[in-house]
Amino acid sequence: MSLRSICVFCGASTGHDPAYREAAIALGRTLATHDITLVYGGGAVGLMGVVADAALAAGGEVVGIIPQSLKDAEVGHAGLTRLEVVSGMHARKARMAELSDAFIALPGGLGTLEELFEVWTWGQLGYHRKPLGLLDVNRFYDKLSHFLDHLVAEGFVKAPHRTMLQRSDSPDALVQMLEQWQPSADPRWQERTIS
């Protein structure tokens, strides 16, 4: 699969560990190097601003999607290739998904997790057939990954749905994994096996 654009979910803060900022910089550069457009939440603060600035500095294209109500609170990024202002959070997530061929979550908080799980659920339901990935900085997502495996073991998540989510601590490796990802079942299984 050739990826032209990747949506990155990440925090409006940078977290305590400098490694999170370094990973956001590396991811932004990687996307630009691979000529992949970065689609993200449009903010200039936190890891959102870091990943956008890194992609722009490396010559990449960056599209931000931000609700009007958050434009001032999150300090909408004024230097993007394009900044779209939408009516609310639902419109933001739908537009980011529409513009993207794949999704990556950097470390983040509740909003990052909510965006990741919503787009993952859309994939489970068959609304899209796009890969998802976790950029697992310093094993940030270890406990989540173990819990997801527990959901499979307990019969609440089907194995094909679990394999939709790739995981790596390397931006380059993760992009390669997303490019190589193939849906693990034919579209009919979504209708029969919703968890």
Protein backbone atom coordinates (compact mmCIF):
# COMPACT_ATOMS: atom_id res chain seq x y z
CA MET A 1 0.00 0.00 0.00
CA SER A 2 1.38 3.40 -0.94
CA LEU A 3 0.74 5.96 1.78
CA ARG A 4 0.25 9.54 0.66
CA SER A 5 -0.96 10.87 4.00
CA ILE A 6 -0.88 9.77 7.64
CA CYS A 7 -2.97 11.17 10.46
CA VAL A 8 -1.01 11.57 13.69
CA PHE A 9 -2.84 11.65 17.02
CA CYS A 10 -0.82 13.20 19.85
CA GLY A 11 -0.98 15.34 22.92
CA ALA A 12 -1.44 19.07 23.33
CA SER A 13 1.33 18.74 25.93
CA THR A 14 4.82 17.28 25.56
CA GLY A 15 4.79 15.02 28.62
CA HIS A 16 7.61 14.74 31.16
CA ASP A 17 10.11 12.63 29.22
CA PRO A 18 12.17 14.51 26.57
CA ALA A 19 12.05 11.30 24.52
CA TYR A 20 8.44 12.09 23.57
CA ARG A 21 9.46 15.37 21.94
CA GLU A 22 12.40 13.65 20.22
CA ALA A 23 10.09 10.96 18.84
CA ALA A 24 7.65 13.58 17.53
CA ILE A 25 10.53 15.34 15.76
CA ALA A 26 11.73 12.04 14.28
CA LEU A 27 8.23 11.15 13.10
CA GLY A 28 7.69 14.53 11.46
CA ARG A 29 11.02 14.23 9.64
CA THR A 30 10.26 10.66 8.60
CA LEU A 31 6.93 11.60 7.06
CA ALA A 32 8.52 14.46 5.15
CA THR A 33 11.38 12.23 3.96
CA HIS A 34 8.88 9.67 2.65
CA ASP A 35 6.84 12.43 0.96
CA ILE A 36 3.86 11.61 3.18
CA THR A 37 1.52 14.44 4.12
CA LEU A 38 1.03 14.86 7.87
CA VAL A 39 -2.61 15.29 8.88
CA TYR A 40 -3.14 16.24 12.51
CA GLY A 41 -5.22 18.28 14.95
CA GLY A 42 -3.91 21.69 13.86
CA GLY A 43 -2.45 22.90 17.17
CA ALA A 44 0.85 24.71 17.65
CA VAL A 45 1.38 23.45 21.21
CA GLY A 46 2.57 20.20 22.76
CA LEU A 47 3.56 17.22 20.64
CA MET A 48 1.10 18.46 18.02
CA GLY A 49 3.22 21.54 17.39
CA VAL A 50 6.46 19.58 17.61
CA VAL A 51 5.53 16.99 14.97
CA ALA A 52 4.12 19.67 12.65
CA ASP A 53 7.17 21.92 12.98
CA ALA A 54 9.52 19.00 12.34
CA ALA A 55 7.65 17.94 9.19
CA LEU A 56 7.57 21.51 7.89
CA ALA A 57 11.27 22.06 8.65
CA ALA A 58 12.08 18.93 6.64
CA GLY A 59 10.10 20.21 3.65
CA GLY A 60 6.94 18.20 4.28
CA GLU A 61 3.32 19.07 3.71
CA VAL A 62 1.19 19.49 6.84
CA VAL A 63 -2.60 19.76 7.03
CA GLY A 64 -4.20 20.72 10.33
CA ILE A 65 -7.85 20.26 11.25
CA ILE A 66 -9.08 22.22 14.27
CA PRO A 67 -12.51 23.13 15.66
CA GLN A 68 -13.24 26.84 15.91
CA SER A 69 -13.77 26.49 19.67
CA LEU A 70 -10.24 25.08 20.12
CA LYS A 71 -8.44 27.28 17.61
CA ASP A 72 -7.55 29.86 20.23
CA ALA A 73 -7.25 27.47 23.20
CA GLU A 74 -4.82 25.16 21.37
CA VAL A 75 -3.17 28.08 19.56
CA GLY A 76 -3.94 27.02 16.00
CA HIS A 77 -0.73 26.64 14.00
CA ALA A 78 -0.34 29.59 11.64
CA GLY A 79 2.49 28.16 9.51
CA LEU A 80 0.91 25.02 8.07
CA THR A 81 0.51 24.09 4.43
CA ARG A 82 -3.22 24.23 5.16
CA LEU A 83 -5.29 24.76 8.32
CA GLU A 84 -8.95 23.83 8.13
CA VAL A 85 -11.30 25.15 10.79
CA VAL A 86 -14.32 22.90 11.38
CA SER A 87 -17.48 23.08 13.47
CA GLY A 88 -16.55 20.64 16.26
CA MET A 89 -14.70 17.55 17.44
CA HIS A 90 -16.81 15.07 15.46
CA ALA A 91 -16.20 17.01 12.26
CA ARG A 92 -12.49 17.24 13.11
CA LYS A 93 -12.08 13.47 13.50
CA ALA A 94 -14.15 12.67 10.42
CA ARG A 95 -12.16 15.11 8.28
CA MET A 96 -8.80 13.82 9.55
CA ALA A 97 -9.89 10.26 8.74
CA GLU A 98 -11.14 11.29 5.31
CA LEU A 99 -7.81 12.89 4.39
CA SER A 100 -5.60 10.05 5.68
CA ASP A 101 -4.40 6.70 4.35
CA ALA A 102 -3.24 5.51 7.81
CA PHE A 103 -3.09 6.57 11.44
CA ILE A 104 -0.31 6.79 14.04
CA ALA A 105 -0.65 7.58 17.75
CA LEU A 106 2.28 9.21 19.51
CA PRO A 107 2.20 9.27 23.31
CA GLY A 108 -0.70 11.36 24.51
CA GLY A 109 -3.59 11.59 26.92
CA LEU A 110 -7.33 11.00 26.84
CA GLY A 111 -7.88 12.80 23.55
CA THR A 112 -5.17 10.80 21.81
CA LEU A 113 -6.59 7.51 23.08
CA GLU A 114 -10.15 8.52 22.20
CA GLU A 115 -9.14 9.42 18.64
CA LEU A 116 -7.19 6.19 18.23
CA PHE A 117 -9.97 3.96 19.55
CA GLU A 118 -12.67 5.71 17.55
CA VAL A 119 -10.83 5.33 14.25
CA TRP A 120 -9.96 1.72 15.19
CA THR A 121 -13.64 1.02 15.86
CA TRP A 122 -14.51 2.51 12.47
CA GLY A 123 -12.08 0.04 10.92
CA GLN A 124 -13.63 -2.85 12.86
CA LEU A 125 -17.06 -1.84 11.56
CA GLY A 126 -15.79 -1.69 7.99
CA TYR A 127 -16.07 2.08 7.54
CA HIS A 128 -12.46 2.08 6.36
CA ARG A 129 -9.67 -0.41 5.63
CA LYS A 130 -6.70 1.66 6.74
CA PRO A 131 -3.84 0.60 9.04
CA LEU A 132 -3.17 2.03 12.49
CA GLY A 133 0.05 2.21 14.46
CA LEU A 134 1.46 3.09 17.85
CA LEU A 135 4.80 4.89 18.01
CA ASP A 136 5.84 3.19 21.23
CA VAL A 137 8.34 5.63 22.74
CA ASN A 138 10.17 4.11 25.73
CA ARG A 139 7.51 1.39 25.93
CA PHE A 140 4.82 4.01 26.56
CA TYR A 141 2.13 1.71 25.14
CA ASP A 142 3.32 -1.54 26.76
CA LYS A 143 0.51 -1.79 29.31
CA LEU A 144 -2.11 -0.87 26.74
CA SER A 145 -0.81 -3.57 24.38
CA HIS A 146 -0.97 -6.18 27.15
CA PHE A 147 -4.52 -5.13 27.94
CA LEU A 148 -5.51 -5.37 24.26
CA ASP A 149 -4.12 -8.91 24.18
CA HIS A 150 -6.19 -9.63 27.31
CA LEU A 151 -9.32 -8.43 25.48
CA VAL A 152 -8.61 -10.92 22.70
CA ALA A 153 -7.96 -13.75 25.18
CA GLU A 154 -11.24 -13.01 26.94
CA GLY A 155 -13.23 -13.02 23.70
CA PHE A 156 -14.12 -9.33 23.52
CA VAL A 157 -11.91 -8.46 20.54
CA LYS A 158 -11.38 -10.65 17.49
CA ALA A 159 -7.80 -11.43 16.49
CA PRO A 160 -8.17 -9.80 13.02
CA HIS A 161 -9.26 -6.58 14.71
CA ARG A 162 -6.28 -6.71 17.08
CA THR A 163 -3.82 -7.08 14.21
CA MET A 164 -5.08 -3.85 12.66
CA LEU A 165 -2.91 -2.02 15.21
CA GLN A 166 0.83 -2.13 14.47
CA ARG A 167 3.46 -1.10 17.03
CA SER A 168 7.10 0.02 16.86
CA ASP A 169 9.51 2.34 18.63
CA SER A 170 10.97 3.46 15.28
CA PRO A 171 9.15 5.96 13.02
CA ASP A 172 10.77 4.49 9.91
CA ALA A 173 9.91 0.92 10.87
CA LEU A 174 6.34 1.88 11.77
CA VAL A 175 5.74 3.65 8.46
CA GLN A 176 7.10 0.57 6.66
CA MET A 177 4.78 -1.69 8.70
CA LEU A 178 1.79 0.47 7.80
CA GLU A 179 2.75 0.42 4.12
CA GLN A 180 3.00 -3.39 4.17
CA TRP A 181 -0.17 -3.98 6.20
CA GLN A 182 -2.94 -5.92 4.51
CA PRO A 183 -6.49 -6.41 5.83
CA SER A 184 -6.59 -9.83 7.47
CA ALA A 185 -10.07 -10.82 6.35
CA ASP A 186 -12.59 -10.06 3.64
CA PRO A 187 -15.02 -7.18 4.29
CA ARG A 188 -17.96 -9.48 5.12
CA TRP A 189 -16.46 -10.49 8.47
CA GLN A 190 -17.04 -7.01 9.89
CA GLU A 191 -20.80 -7.43 9.66
CA ARG A 192 -20.78 -10.79 11.45
CA THR A 193 -18.21 -10.35 14.17
CA ILE A 194 -18.64 -6.93 15.71
CA SER A 195 -17.46 -7.01 19.35
